[in-house]
Amino acid sequence: MANKAKTVGSLTQGIEGLFKKNKVDYIKGAGKFTGKDSLTVDCLDGSQKEVKAKNFIIATGSVPNNLPGGILPINENNVLSSTGGLELKNVPKKMIVIGAGVIGLELGSVYNRFGTQVEVVEFANKILPPFDNEVSTAFQRLLTKQGFKFHLGHKVVDGKSGTDGVTLNVENIANNQKLDMNADVVLVATGRSPFTQGLGLKEVLGIETDRLGRIPVDKNLMTSVKNIFAIGDVIEGPMLAHKGEEEGVAVVEHICGEHSHVNYNNIPNVVYTHPEIASIGFTEEELKAKEIKYGKGKFPFLANSRAKCNEDSDGFVKVLTDKETDKIIGVHILGPNAGEMIAEFGLGIEYGASAEDIARTCHAHPTLSEAAKEACMAAYDKPLNF
């Protein structure tokens, strides 16, 4: 935890350094709009400051969700959000994770490697619901092998926290069978909500949020007020830092009179577990639902020499292509360094590459990236080494 705090401190100080370098004023506090060209900031030092500007960008991020109905509210002691999950002073013997999404599995994976017994409760019938089914299924098998225990198709109906731990009452959605569970700590990882409260959006600016608290924007990320824009977690789309960064660049370019564009079909999504998962473009299920004819190539890391040498060969690379043109339209990687490997495919998709284009590009040997080449070969013809 000390190393984590040191690293976070170094990164945030680096951002402050960039502010100074680029002559950006940094006001620490909570802001609220007083008009379309002004806001007040309640500063951390107790003072209040008025800020006027020609344009504003709302990028206030998101906050963790509590369980619905007031069940087992987060206390950051033994009922944790992702924030509290990164602040524990001791490694718990047992942790229950509510929600088998990205955050729950990432933190559960960390504590599992520390020796914690991890059980996961998920409402859906699969882990990582938005991800490609083939990847989710294979990943669940690997996590089970690592010691995870899953309760899919279950919901939490009641719970109680005390000095001796946390008790949960869980129900099977299909047959209503009840299950009592106990743990030292519970991690509530049931998603996040946009942080849009208290900004004066409706009462001052007349900006209405949707039922999830998100701010509607147009193609230029402009709100219903012409000089006010919104990006990141407060608008529709995946809550990913790199998505928000791309939107921030696009907004500033638009304000400066330049062409702005974000390709929302080409945003990578990475699960930082071991092994990692990285995904970009369409899943196989989405292609079937849209009745798009597609090709498919798959290559296992078990047949990759670098992965074998590293004794880290779980998983595969899966490439989906347009059946008629061979254009890459989706890639899903389960395996070592997946988060790094996906960048090659992001570049390929952005430039309209076919699977054959990447397959005919020389990849260094021995590298994990050869699995990407082989999967592309499998998509348009057949791999060489499997």
Foldseek 3Di string as FASTA:
>chain_A
DVVVVVVVVVVVVVVVVVCVVVVHDDFAADWADQAQFKIKGCGPVRDIDIDGDQFAEDEQAWDADADPPPAPGDPLPFEAELVSLVVDPDQWQEEEEEALAQSSCQSQQVSLVVNHQYEYEYQAQWHRVVAFPVQRVLVVVVVVVSRYHYDYNKDWDHKDADPQFIKTWMARNPPRDIDIDTTRHYYYHPDIAGPDPPRCCCVHVNFDADPRQAGDADQQQAGPDRRYGYFARRHDDDRDPVRRVLSVVQNVCVVVVHHGHDDRQQDKDWRPHVVIKIKGFDHPVVCVVVVFDKFKFKFFQVLAPVCVVVVWTPWIKMWIARPPPQFTGMIMTGTHPNVVLCVVVSVSNVVRHGLVVLLPDDDDPRDPNVRSNQRSCRRVPHGDRD
